[in-house]
Amino acid sequence: MCWAEVGEAQLTGPEMIQESTEKIVLIKRRIQAAQDRQKSYADLKRKLMEFRVEDRVMLKVSPGKRVIRFDKRGKLNLRYVGPFKVLAKVGKVAYML
């Protein structure tokens, strides 16, 4: 049994299940389309970075773990520390500094 407006056909049994299934499939398709669109936008901003051994790199420090140097706090905290020398390539995108 389900609620229906006056004059609206009331769905029961297999029809209700079929309609619910169709709506779920439609929702999943729309979610996938939105995810694909967002991924394409993110991929435009992403750039591949490769480093060689002996390169010097700056390390980005996460906002919660900023390094406090020279009594700088808040907005004046350092965003990057280094430079560090790349000693070895450990994985596909991981390096030993």
PDB file of N, CA and C in Angstrom:
ATOM      1  N   MET A   1       0.842  -1.184   0.000  1.00  0.00           N
ATOM      2  CA  MET A   1       0.000   0.000   0.000  1.00  0.00           C
ATOM      3  C   MET A   1       0.886   1.246   0.000  1.00  0.00           C
ATOM      4  N   CYS A   2       0.497   2.272  -0.722  1.00  0.00           N
ATOM      5  CA  CYS A   2       1.263   3.517  -0.739  1.00  0.00           C
ATOM      6  C   CYS A   2       0.306   4.700  -0.786  1.00  0.00           C
ATOM      7  N   TRP A   3       0.832   5.879  -0.427  1.00  0.00           N
ATOM      8  CA  TRP A   3       0.030   7.095  -0.443  1.00  0.00           C
ATOM      9  C   TRP A   3      -0.079   7.602  -1.871  1.00  0.00           C
ATOM     10  N   ALA A   4      -1.236   8.085  -2.220  1.00  0.00           N
ATOM     11  CA  ALA A   4      -1.441   8.618  -3.566  1.00  0.00           C
ATOM     12  C   ALA A   4      -2.327   9.848  -3.487  1.00  0.00           C
ATOM     13  N   GLU A   5      -2.094  10.795  -4.393  1.00  0.00           N
ATOM     14  CA  GLU A   5      -2.934  11.984  -4.482  1.00  0.00           C
ATOM     15  C   GLU A   5      -4.283  11.594  -5.082  1.00  0.00           C
ATOM     16  N   VAL A   6      -5.260  12.435  -4.875  1.00  0.00           N
ATOM     17  CA  VAL A   6      -6.587  12.175  -5.418  1.00  0.00           C
ATOM     18  C   VAL A   6      -6.501  12.162  -6.941  1.00  0.00           C
ATOM     19  N   GLY A   7      -7.044  11.157  -7.553  1.00  0.00           N
ATOM     20  CA  GLY A   7      -7.042  11.052  -9.001  1.00  0.00           C
ATOM     21  C   GLY A   7      -5.771  10.444  -9.569  1.00  0.00           C
ATOM     22  N   GLU A   8      -4.790  10.150  -8.718  1.00  0.00           N
ATOM     23  CA  GLU A   8      -3.536   9.567  -9.189  1.00  0.00           C
ATOM     24  C   GLU A   8      -3.627   8.053  -9.077  1.00  0.00           C
ATOM     25  N   ALA A   9      -3.095   7.388 -10.068  1.00  0.00           N
ATOM     26  CA  ALA A   9      -3.135   5.927 -10.047  1.00  0.00           C
ATOM     27  C   ALA A   9      -2.255   5.422  -8.912  1.00  0.00           C
ATOM     28  N   GLN A  10      -2.746   4.435  -8.206  1.00  0.00           N
ATOM     29  CA  GLN A  10      -2.023   3.893  -7.069  1.00  0.00           C
ATOM     30  C   GLN A  10      -1.276   2.638  -7.519  1.00  0.00           C
ATOM     31  N   LEU A  11       0.031   2.602  -7.247  1.00  0.00           N
ATOM     32  CA  LEU A  11       0.832   1.455  -7.637  1.00  0.00           C
ATOM     33  C   LEU A  11       0.866   0.438  -6.508  1.00  0.00           C
ATOM     34  N   THR A  12       0.759  -0.801  -6.869  1.00  0.00           N
ATOM     35  CA  THR A  12       0.848  -1.855  -5.868  1.00  0.00           C
ATOM     36  C   THR A  12       1.646  -3.014  -6.434  1.00  0.00           C
ATOM     37  N   GLY A  13       2.258  -3.760  -5.549  1.00  0.00           N
ATOM     38  CA  GLY A  13       2.932  -4.992  -5.922  1.00  0.00           C
ATOM     39  C   GLY A  13       4.052  -4.817  -6.925  1.00  0.00           C
ATOM     40  N   PRO A  14       4.031  -5.630  -7.997  1.00  0.00           N
ATOM     41  CA  PRO A  14       5.134  -5.657  -8.968  1.00  0.00           C
ATOM     42  C   PRO A  14       5.369  -4.321  -9.677  1.00  0.00           C
ATOM     43  N   GLU A  15       4.303  -3.545  -9.913  1.00  0.00           N
ATOM     44  CA  GLU A  15       4.479  -2.252 -10.578  1.00  0.00           C
ATOM     45  C   GLU A  15       5.336  -1.315  -9.730  1.00  0.00           C
ATOM     46  N   MET A  16       5.108  -1.326  -8.411  1.00  0.00           N
ATOM     47  CA  MET A  16       5.862  -0.462  -7.504  1.00  0.00           C
ATOM     48  C   MET A  16       7.337  -0.884  -7.491  1.00  0.00           C
ATOM     49  N   ILE A  17       7.572  -2.174  -7.471  1.00  0.00           N
ATOM     50  CA  ILE A  17       8.946  -2.671  -7.470  1.00  0.00           C
ATOM     51  C   ILE A  17       9.643  -2.292  -8.772  1.00  0.00           C
ATOM     52  N   GLN A  18       8.948  -2.444  -9.895  1.00  0.00           N
ATOM     53  CA  GLN A  18       9.520  -2.112 -11.200  1.00  0.00           C
ATOM     54  C   GLN A  18       9.859  -0.623 -11.285  1.00  0.00           C
ATOM     55  N   GLU A  19       8.948   0.231 -10.829  1.00  0.00           N
ATOM     56  CA  GLU A  19       9.190   1.680 -10.868  1.00  0.00           C
ATOM     57  C   GLU A  19      10.357   2.065  -9.965  1.00  0.00           C
ATOM     58  N   SER A  20      10.415   1.461  -8.779  1.00  0.00           N
ATOM     59  CA  SER A  20      11.523   1.744  -7.858  1.00  0.00           C
ATOM     60  C   SER A  20      12.853   1.330  -8.471  1.00  0.00           C
ATOM     61  N   THR A  21      12.885   0.176  -9.101  1.00  0.00           N
ATOM     62  CA  THR A  21      14.108  -0.309  -9.741  1.00  0.00           C
ATOM     63  C   THR A  21      14.549   0.629 -10.857  1.00  0.00           C
ATOM     64  N   GLU A  22      13.608   1.103 -11.663  1.00  0.00           N
ATOM     65  CA  GLU A  22      13.939   2.031 -12.745  1.00  0.00           C
ATOM     66  C   GLU A  22      14.497   3.342 -12.201  1.00  0.00           C
ATOM     67  N   LYS A  23      13.903   3.836 -11.108  1.00  0.00           N
ATOM     68  CA  LYS A  23      14.389   5.081 -10.504  1.00  0.00           C
ATOM     69  C   LYS A  23      15.792   4.906  -9.936  1.00  0.00           C
ATOM     70  N   ILE A  24      16.059   3.754  -9.338  1.00  0.00           N
ATOM     71  CA  ILE A  24      17.390   3.487  -8.787  1.00  0.00           C
ATOM     72  C   ILE A  24      18.431   3.465  -9.897  1.00  0.00           C
ATOM     73  N   VAL A  25      18.103   2.819 -11.013  1.00  0.00           N
ATOM     74  CA  VAL A  25      19.022   2.769 -12.153  1.00  0.00           C
ATOM     75  C   VAL A  25      19.278   4.178 -12.682  1.00  0.00           C
ATOM     76  N   LEU A  26      18.241   4.993 -12.791  1.00  0.00           N
ATOM     77  CA  LEU A  26      18.386   6.372 -13.262  1.00  0.00           C
ATOM     78  C   LEU A  26      19.274   7.189 -12.321  1.00  0.00           C
ATOM     79  N   ILE A  27      19.054   7.033 -11.019  1.00  0.00           N
ATOM     80  CA  ILE A  27      19.854   7.759 -10.027  1.00  0.00           C
ATOM     81  C   ILE A  27      21.318   7.349 -10.125  1.00  0.00           C
ATOM     82  N   LYS A  28      21.579   6.042 -10.258  1.00  0.00           N
ATOM     83  CA  LYS A  28      22.962   5.567 -10.371  1.00  0.00           C
ATOM     84  C   LYS A  28      23.637   6.129 -11.613  1.00  0.00           C
ATOM     85  N   ARG A  29      22.905   6.200 -12.730  1.00  0.00           N
ATOM     86  CA  ARG A  29      23.468   6.759 -13.964  1.00  0.00           C
ATOM     87  C   ARG A  29      23.817   8.232 -13.787  1.00  0.00           C
ATOM     88  N   ARG A  30      22.931   8.976 -13.126  1.00  0.00           N
ATOM     89  CA  ARG A  30      23.187  10.408 -12.913  1.00  0.00           C
ATOM     90  C   ARG A  30      24.371  10.631 -11.974  1.00  0.00           C
ATOM     91  N   ILE A  31      24.485   9.810 -10.933  1.00  0.00           N
ATOM     92  CA  ILE A  31      25.625   9.922 -10.016  1.00  0.00           C
ATOM     93  C   ILE A  31      26.922   9.636 -10.762  1.00  0.00           C
ATOM     94  N   GLN A  32      26.931   8.593 -11.598  1.00  0.00           N
ATOM     95  CA  GLN A  32      28.129   8.249 -12.363  1.00  0.00           C
ATOM     96  C   GLN A  32      28.505   9.369 -13.334  1.00  0.00           C
ATOM     97  N   ALA A  33      27.504   9.974 -13.966  1.00  0.00           N
ATOM     98  CA  ALA A  33      27.775  11.080 -14.889  1.00  0.00           C
ATOM     99  C   ALA A  33      28.388  12.262 -14.139  1.00  0.00           C
ATOM    100  N   ALA A  34      27.867  12.566 -12.950  1.00  0.00           N
ATOM    101  CA  ALA A  34      28.407  13.671 -12.150  1.00  0.00           C
ATOM    102  C   ALA A  34      29.842  13.371 -11.719  1.00  0.00           C
ATOM    103  N   GLN A  35      30.113  12.124 -11.312  1.00  0.00           N
ATOM    104  CA  GLN A  35      31.468  11.753 -10.908  1.00  0.00           C
ATOM    105  C   GLN A  35      32.441  11.857 -12.079  1.00  0.00           C
ATOM    106  N   ASP A  36      32.018  11.411 -13.253  1.00  0.00           N
ATOM    107  CA  ASP A  36      32.871  11.504 -14.441  1.00  0.00           C
ATOM    108  C   ASP A  36      33.170  12.959 -14.795  1.00  0.00           C
ATOM    109  N   ARG A  37      32.160  13.813 -14.684  1.00  0.00           N
ATOM    110  CA  ARG A  37      32.337  15.231 -14.990  1.00  0.00           C
ATOM    111  C   ARG A  37      33.319  15.865 -13.997  1.00  0.00           C
ATOM    112  N   GLN A  38      33.159  15.568 -12.702  1.00  0.00           N
ATOM    113  CA  GLN A  38      34.058  16.122 -11.696  1.00  0.00           C
ATOM    114  C   GLN A  38      35.482  15.605 -11.878  1.00  0.00           C
ATOM    115  N   LYS A  39      35.627  14.334 -12.265  1.00  0.00           N
ATOM    116  CA  LYS A  39      36.953  13.766 -12.498  1.00  0.00           C
ATOM    117  C   LYS A  39      37.635  14.458 -13.671  1.00  0.00           C
ATOM    118  N   SER A  40      36.881  14.741 -14.724  1.00  0.00           N
ATOM    119  CA  SER A  40      37.486  15.410 -15.878  1.00  0.00           C
ATOM    120  C   SER A  40      37.951  16.819 -15.510  1.00  0.00           C
ATOM    121  N   TYR A  41      37.198  17.526 -14.664  1.00  0.00           N
ATOM    122  CA  TYR A  41      37.618  18.855 -14.215  1.00  0.00           C
ATOM    123  C   TYR A  41      38.893  18.759 -13.371  1.00  0.00           C
ATOM    124  N   ALA A  42      38.953  17.771 -12.479  1.00  0.00           N
ATOM    125  CA  ALA A  42      40.125  17.608 -11.617  1.00  0.00           C
ATOM    126  C   ALA A  42      41.348  17.205 -12.433  1.00  0.00           C
ATOM    127  N   ASP A  43      41.157  16.362 -13.445  1.00  0.00           N
ATOM    128  CA  ASP A  43      42.277  15.910 -14.269  1.00  0.00           C
ATOM    129  C   ASP A  43      42.893  17.052 -15.074  1.00  0.00           C
ATOM    130  N   LEU A  44      42.106  18.067 -15.405  1.00  0.00           N
ATOM    131  CA  LEU A  44      42.646  19.210 -16.138  1.00  0.00           C
ATOM    132  C   LEU A  44      43.670  19.975 -15.301  1.00  0.00           C
ATOM    133  N   LYS A  45      43.468  20.017 -13.981  1.00  0.00           N
ATOM    134  CA  LYS A  45      44.360  20.762 -13.099  1.00  0.00           C
ATOM    135  C   LYS A  45      45.554  19.927 -12.634  1.00  0.00           C
ATOM    136  N   ARG A  46      45.474  18.623 -12.773  1.00  0.00           N
ATOM    137  CA  ARG A  46      46.521  17.726 -12.298  1.00  0.00           C
ATOM    138  C   ARG A  46      47.653  17.665 -13.319  1.00  0.00           C
ATOM    139  N   LYS A  47      48.885  17.675 -12.824  1.00  0.00           N
ATOM    140  CA  LYS A  47      50.016  17.558 -13.740  1.00  0.00           C
ATOM    141  C   LYS A  47      50.979  16.495 -13.216  1.00  0.00           C
ATOM    142  N   LEU A  48      51.552  15.756 -14.135  1.00  0.00           N
ATOM    143  CA  LEU A  48      52.476  14.684 -13.804  1.00  0.00           C
ATOM    144  C   LEU A  48      53.827  15.281 -13.432  1.00  0.00           C
ATOM    145  N   MET A  49      54.366  14.856 -12.294  1.00  0.00           N
ATOM    146  CA  MET A  49      55.663  15.358 -11.852  1.00  0.00           C
ATOM    147  C   MET A  49      56.607  14.175 -11.692  1.00  0.00           C
ATOM    148  N   GLU A  50      57.715  14.234 -12.365  1.00  0.00           N
ATOM    149  CA  GLU A  50      58.744  13.201 -12.269  1.00  0.00           C
ATOM    150  C   GLU A  50      60.015  13.856 -11.745  1.00  0.00           C
ATOM    151  N   PHE A  51      60.698  13.152 -10.842  1.00  0.00           N
ATOM    152  CA  PHE A  51      61.958  13.652 -10.307  1.00  0.00           C
ATOM    153  C   PHE A  51      63.040  12.610 -10.542  1.00  0.00           C
ATOM    154  N   ARG A  52      64.268  13.078 -10.677  1.00  0.00           N
ATOM    155  CA  ARG A  52      65.409  12.179 -10.831  1.00  0.00           C
ATOM    156  C   ARG A  52      66.209  12.202  -9.538  1.00  0.00           C
ATOM    157  N   VAL A  53      67.027  11.176  -9.345  1.00  0.00           N
ATOM    158  CA  VAL A  53      67.919  11.135  -8.189  1.00  0.00           C
ATOM    159  C   VAL A  53      68.849  12.341  -8.281  1.00  0.00           C
ATOM    160  N   GLU A  54      69.123  12.936  -7.134  1.00  0.00           N
ATOM    161  CA  GLU A  54      69.963  14.132  -7.001  1.00  0.00           C
ATOM    162  C   GLU A  54      69.215  15.437  -7.278  1.00  0.00           C
ATOM    163  N   ASP A  55      67.941  15.388  -7.704  1.00  0.00           N
ATOM    164  CA  ASP A  55      67.156  16.619  -7.843  1.00  0.00           C
ATOM    165  C   ASP A  55      66.893  17.194  -6.459  1.00  0.00           C
ATOM    166  N   ARG A  56      66.728  18.491  -6.398  1.00  0.00           N
ATOM    167  CA  ARG A  56      66.364  19.137  -5.132  1.00  0.00           C
ATOM    168  C   ARG A  56      64.898  19.542  -5.213  1.00  0.00           C
ATOM    169  N   VAL A  57      64.150  19.205  -4.151  1.00  0.00           N
ATOM    170  CA  VAL A  57      62.711  19.460  -4.138  1.00  0.00           C
ATOM    171  C   VAL A  57      62.314  20.128  -2.829  1.00  0.00           C
ATOM    172  N   MET A  58      61.205  20.857  -2.884  1.00  0.00           N
ATOM    173  CA  MET A  58      60.608  21.446  -1.686  1.00  0.00           C
ATOM    174  C   MET A  58      59.462  20.543  -1.256  1.00  0.00           C
ATOM    175  N   LEU A  59      59.293  20.350   0.038  1.00  0.00           N
ATOM    176  CA  LEU A  59      58.257  19.483   0.581  1.00  0.00           C
ATOM    177  C   LEU A  59      57.113  20.337   1.108  1.00  0.00           C
ATOM    178  N   LYS A  60      55.899  20.085   0.608  1.00  0.00           N
ATOM    179  CA  LYS A  60      54.736  20.838   1.071  1.00  0.00           C
ATOM    180  C   LYS A  60      54.298  20.284   2.421  1.00  0.00           C
ATOM    181  N   VAL A  61      54.100  21.167   3.387  1.00  0.00           N
ATOM    182  CA  VAL A  61      53.712  20.770   4.737  1.00  0.00           C
ATOM    183  C   VAL A  61      52.207  20.945   4.870  1.00  0.00           C
ATOM    184  N   SER A  62      51.523  19.911   5.376  1.00  0.00           N
ATOM    185  CA  SER A  62      50.069  19.992   5.513  1.00  0.00           C
ATOM    186  C   SER A  62      49.693  21.070   6.529  1.00  0.00           C
ATOM    187  N   PRO A  63      48.516  21.702   6.364  1.00  0.00           N
ATOM    188  CA  PRO A  63      48.130  22.830   7.225  1.00  0.00           C
ATOM    189  C   PRO A  63      48.107  22.497   8.714  1.00  0.00           C
ATOM    190  N   GLY A  64      47.719  21.300   9.081  1.00  0.00           N
ATOM    191  CA  GLY A  64      47.646  20.944  10.494  1.00  0.00           C
ATOM    192  C   GLY A  64      49.000  20.672  11.111  1.00  0.00           C
ATOM    193  N   LYS A  65      50.007  20.397  10.281  1.00  0.00           N
ATOM    194  CA  LYS A  65      51.323  20.014  10.784  1.00  0.00           C
ATOM    195  C   LYS A  65      52.394  20.997  10.337  1.00  0.00           C
ATOM    196  N   ARG A  66      52.057  22.242  10.220  1.00  0.00           N
ATOM    197  CA  ARG A  66      53.010  23.259   9.768  1.00  0.00           C
ATOM    198  C   ARG A  66      54.206  23.328  10.710  1.00  0.00           C
ATOM    199  N   VAL A  67      55.327  23.609  10.146  1.00  0.00           N
ATOM    200  CA  VAL A  67      56.552  23.747  10.921  1.00  0.00           C
ATOM    201  C   VAL A  67      56.642  25.188  11.407  1.00  0.00           C
ATOM    202  N   ILE A  68      56.841  25.364  12.707  1.00  0.00           N
ATOM    203  CA  ILE A  68      56.963  26.720  13.255  1.00  0.00           C
ATOM    204  C   ILE A  68      58.449  27.056  13.313  1.00  0.00           C
ATOM    205  N   ARG A  69      58.849  28.028  12.509  1.00  0.00           N
ATOM    206  CA  ARG A  69      60.242  28.466  12.478  1.00  0.00           C
ATOM    207  C   ARG A  69      60.289  29.974  12.684  1.00  0.00           C
ATOM    208  N   PHE A  70      61.287  30.422  13.399  1.00  0.00           N
ATOM    209  CA  PHE A  70      61.509  31.854  13.613  1.00  0.00           C
ATOM    210  C   PHE A  70      60.287  32.531  14.228  1.00  0.00           C
ATOM    211  N   ASP A  71      59.602  31.840  15.099  1.00  0.00           N
ATOM    212  CA  ASP A  71      58.424  32.378  15.800  1.00  0.00           C
ATOM    213  C   ASP A  71      57.320  32.849  14.869  1.00  0.00           C
ATOM    214  N   LYS A  72      57.194  32.262  13.698  1.00  0.00           N
ATOM    215  CA  LYS A  72      56.100  32.617  12.797  1.00  0.00           C
ATOM    216  C   LYS A  72      54.918  31.708  13.105  1.00  0.00           C
ATOM    217  N   ARG A  73      53.759  32.294  13.255  1.00  0.00           N
ATOM    218  CA  ARG A  73      52.564  31.515  13.560  1.00  0.00           C
ATOM    219  C   ARG A  73      51.435  31.962  12.643  1.00  0.00           C
ATOM    220  N   GLY A  74      50.421  31.119  12.530  1.00  0.00           N
ATOM    221  CA  GLY A  74      49.241  31.476  11.762  1.00  0.00           C
ATOM    222  C   GLY A  74      49.521  31.592  10.280  1.00  0.00           C
ATOM    223  N   LYS A  75      49.139  32.717   9.707  1.00  0.00           N
ATOM    224  CA  LYS A  75      49.276  32.917   8.264  1.00  0.00           C
ATOM    225  C   LYS A  75      50.727  32.913   7.807  1.00  0.00           C
ATOM    226  N   LEU A  76      51.633  33.246   8.702  1.00  0.00           N
ATOM    227  CA  LEU A  76      53.032  33.368   8.305  1.00  0.00           C
ATOM    228  C   LEU A  76      53.803  32.055   8.409  1.00  0.00           C
ATOM    229  N   ASN A  77      53.138  30.964   8.795  1.00  0.00           N
ATOM    230  CA  ASN A  77      53.805  29.665   8.831  1.00  0.00           C
ATOM    231  C   ASN A  77      54.306  29.294   7.448  1.00  0.00           C
ATOM    232  N   LEU A  78      55.369  28.536   7.412  1.00  0.00           N
ATOM    233  CA  LEU A  78      55.911  28.091   6.136  1.00  0.00           C
ATOM    234  C   LEU A  78      54.990  27.051   5.507  1.00  0.00           C
ATOM    235  N   ARG A  79      54.786  27.158   4.217  1.00  0.00           N
ATOM    236  CA  ARG A  79      53.970  26.177   3.508  1.00  0.00           C
ATOM    237  C   ARG A  79      54.837  25.066   2.935  1.00  0.00           C
ATOM    238  N   TYR A  80      56.089  25.376   2.667  1.00  0.00           N
ATOM    239  CA  TYR A  80      57.030  24.409   2.112  1.00  0.00           C
ATOM    240  C   TYR A  80      58.293  24.418   2.957  1.00  0.00           C
ATOM    241  N   VAL A  81      58.925  23.267   3.100  1.00  0.00           N
ATOM    242  CA  VAL A  81      60.208  23.170   3.791  1.00  0.00           C
ATOM    243  C   VAL A  81      61.201  22.519   2.840  1.00  0.00           C
ATOM    244  N   GLY A  82      62.458  22.794   3.052  1.00  0.00           N
ATOM    245  CA  GLY A  82      63.468  22.190   2.190  1.00  0.00           C
ATOM    246  C   GLY A  82      64.449  23.237   1.746  1.00  0.00           C
ATOM    247  N   PRO A  83      65.190  23.022   0.724  1.00  0.00           N
ATOM    248  CA  PRO A  83      65.104  21.943  -0.262  1.00  0.00           C
ATOM    249  C   PRO A  83      65.728  20.645   0.250  1.00  0.00           C
ATOM    250  N   PHE A  84      65.192  19.527  -0.236  1.00  0.00           N
ATOM    251  CA  PHE A  84      65.706  18.204   0.066  1.00  0.00           C
ATOM    252  C   PHE A  84      66.222  17.577  -1.219  1.00  0.00           C
ATOM    253  N   LYS A  85      67.199  16.709  -1.084  1.00  0.00           N
ATOM    254  CA  LYS A  85      67.753  16.007  -2.239  1.00  0.00           C
ATOM    255  C   LYS A  85      67.025  14.672  -2.393  1.00  0.00           C
ATOM    256  N   VAL A  86      66.623  14.337  -3.610  1.00  0.00           N
ATOM    257  CA  VAL A  86      65.978  13.050  -3.883  1.00  0.00           C
ATOM    258  C   VAL A  86      67.071  11.990  -3.878  1.00  0.00           C
ATOM    259  N   LEU A  87      66.932  11.005  -2.961  1.00  0.00           N
ATOM    260  CA  LEU A  87      67.941   9.954  -2.843  1.00  0.00           C
ATOM    261  C   LEU A  87      67.619   8.745  -3.711  1.00  0.00           C
ATOM    262  N   ALA A  88      66.320   8.396  -3.779  1.00  0.00           N
ATOM    263  CA  ALA A  88      65.929   7.221  -4.568  1.00  0.00           C
ATOM    264  C   ALA A  88      64.447   7.286  -4.875  1.00  0.00           C
ATOM    265  N   LYS A  89      64.064   6.609  -5.959  1.00  0.00           N
ATOM    266  CA  LYS A  89      62.646   6.472  -6.299  1.00  0.00           C
ATOM    267  C   LYS A  89      62.164   5.171  -5.668  1.00  0.00           C
ATOM    268  N   VAL A  90      61.175   5.268  -4.768  1.00  0.00           N
ATOM    269  CA  VAL A  90      60.728   4.114  -4.001  1.00  0.00           C
ATOM    270  C   VAL A  90      59.557   3.413  -4.675  1.00  0.00           C
ATOM    271  N   GLY A  91      58.644   4.173  -5.245  1.00  0.00           N
ATOM    272  CA  GLY A  91      57.465   3.607  -5.897  1.00  0.00           C
ATOM    273  C   GLY A  91      57.159   4.379  -7.161  1.00  0.00           C
ATOM    274  N   LYS A  92      55.931   4.209  -7.638  1.00  0.00           N
ATOM    275  CA  LYS A  92      55.532   4.887  -8.868  1.00  0.00           C
ATOM    276  C   LYS A  92      55.553   6.408  -8.701  1.00  0.00           C
ATOM    277  N   VAL A  93      55.069   6.890  -7.548  1.00  0.00           N
ATOM    278  CA  VAL A  93      55.052   8.332  -7.283  1.00  0.00           C
ATOM    279  C   VAL A  93      55.682   8.677  -5.938  1.00  0.00           C
ATOM    280  N   ALA A  94      56.449   7.737  -5.357  1.00  0.00           N
ATOM    281  CA  ALA A  94      57.055   7.951  -4.044  1.00  0.00           C
ATOM    282  C   ALA A  94      58.572   8.056  -4.174  1.00  0.00           C
ATOM    283  N   TYR A  95      59.130   8.976  -3.408  1.00  0.00           N
ATOM    284  CA  TYR A  95      60.569   9.211  -3.459  1.00  0.00           C
ATOM    285  C   TYR A  95      61.133   9.250  -2.051  1.00  0.00           C
ATOM    286  N   MET A  96      62.380   8.807  -1.895  1.00  0.00           N
ATOM    287  CA  MET A  96      63.065   8.902  -0.611  1.00  0.00           C
ATOM    288  C   MET A  96      63.874  10.187  -0.627  1.00  0.00           C
ATOM    289  N   LEU A  97      63.649  11.026   0.389  1.00  0.00           N
ATOM    290  CA  LEU A  97      64.348  12.313   0.463  1.00  0.00           C
ATOM    291  C   LEU A  97      65.497  12.224   1.442  1.00  0.00           C
TER     292      LEU A  97
END
